[in-house]
Protein backbone atom coordinates (compact mmCIF):
# COMPACT_ATOMS: atom_id res chain seq x y z
CA MET A 1 16.36 -18.00 6.08
CA ALA A 2 19.12 -20.45 5.30
CA LYS A 3 20.77 -20.30 1.94
CA ASP A 4 19.95 -23.96 1.11
CA LYS A 5 16.15 -23.33 1.60
CA ILE A 6 14.80 -21.28 -1.29
CA ASP A 7 11.38 -19.73 -0.89
CA PRO A 8 9.52 -19.65 -4.27
CA GLY A 9 7.60 -16.57 -3.29
CA THR A 10 10.63 -14.30 -3.20
CA PHE A 11 12.77 -12.92 -6.04
CA GLY A 12 16.03 -15.03 -6.09
CA GLY A 13 14.98 -16.95 -3.05
CA GLU A 14 15.99 -14.29 -0.57
CA TRP A 15 13.86 -11.82 1.41
CA THR A 16 14.53 -8.21 0.43
CA ARG A 17 13.32 -6.73 3.65
CA PRO A 18 15.34 -7.09 6.84
CA PRO A 19 13.77 -8.93 9.75
CA SER A 20 11.58 -6.76 12.00
CA HIS A 21 13.21 -7.46 15.28
CA GLY A 22 12.98 -3.85 16.41
CA ARG A 23 16.65 -2.97 15.56
CA GLY A 24 17.80 -1.28 12.40
CA ARG A 25 20.90 0.12 10.86
CA SER A 26 19.66 3.61 11.48
CA MET A 27 16.84 5.52 13.11
CA ARG A 28 15.70 6.57 9.59
CA GLU A 29 15.37 2.94 8.60
CA LEU A 30 13.23 2.27 11.73
CA ARG A 31 11.03 5.26 11.02
CA ASP A 32 10.53 4.28 7.35
CA ARG A 33 9.64 0.76 8.31
CA ALA A 34 7.21 1.99 10.96
CA SER A 35 5.44 4.46 8.51
CA PHE A 36 5.22 1.69 5.90
CA ASP A 37 3.71 -0.82 8.35
CA ASN A 38 1.22 1.68 9.85
CA GLU A 39 0.13 3.17 6.52
CA PRO A 40 -3.64 3.26 6.32
CA SER A 41 -5.31 1.40 3.52
CA THR A 42 -7.06 3.33 0.78
CA GLY A 43 -10.35 1.47 1.03
CA CYS A 44 -13.22 2.40 -1.33
CA GLY A 45 -13.75 5.96 -0.25
CA SER A 46 -12.10 7.34 -3.44
CA VAL A 47 -14.22 5.03 -5.58
CA LEU A 48 -17.37 6.32 -3.76
CA LEU A 49 -16.35 9.88 -4.35
CA VAL A 50 -15.69 9.30 -8.13
CA ALA A 51 -19.10 7.67 -8.39
CA LEU A 52 -20.80 10.51 -6.70
CA VAL A 53 -19.14 13.10 -8.91
CA ALA A 54 -20.12 11.11 -12.06
CA VAL A 55 -23.76 10.86 -11.00
CA GLY A 56 -23.85 14.56 -10.17
CA HIS A 57 -22.41 15.37 -13.59
CA LEU A 58 -24.85 13.26 -15.38
CA ALA A 59 -27.72 14.73 -13.44
CA TRP A 60 -26.52 18.20 -14.26
CA ARG A 61 -26.23 17.36 -17.95
CA ALA A 62 -29.73 15.95 -17.94
CA THR A 63 -31.20 19.23 -16.61
CA LYS A 64 -29.32 21.30 -19.31
CA LYS A 65 -31.10 19.50 -22.29
């Protein structure tokens, strides 16, 4: 990105991440970038698990009364 073109979506008008052209300063940088790009999304599995635990707890408390 040219210095005279400032992108309002970035801090200070410059991208903080280097371009992904397949080359990096080191092998560690390439591995870090690859692991970040391929990281699986969390999704709603954890929310479903918490909801099931909460319902189970409420059902357990209802039987104790």
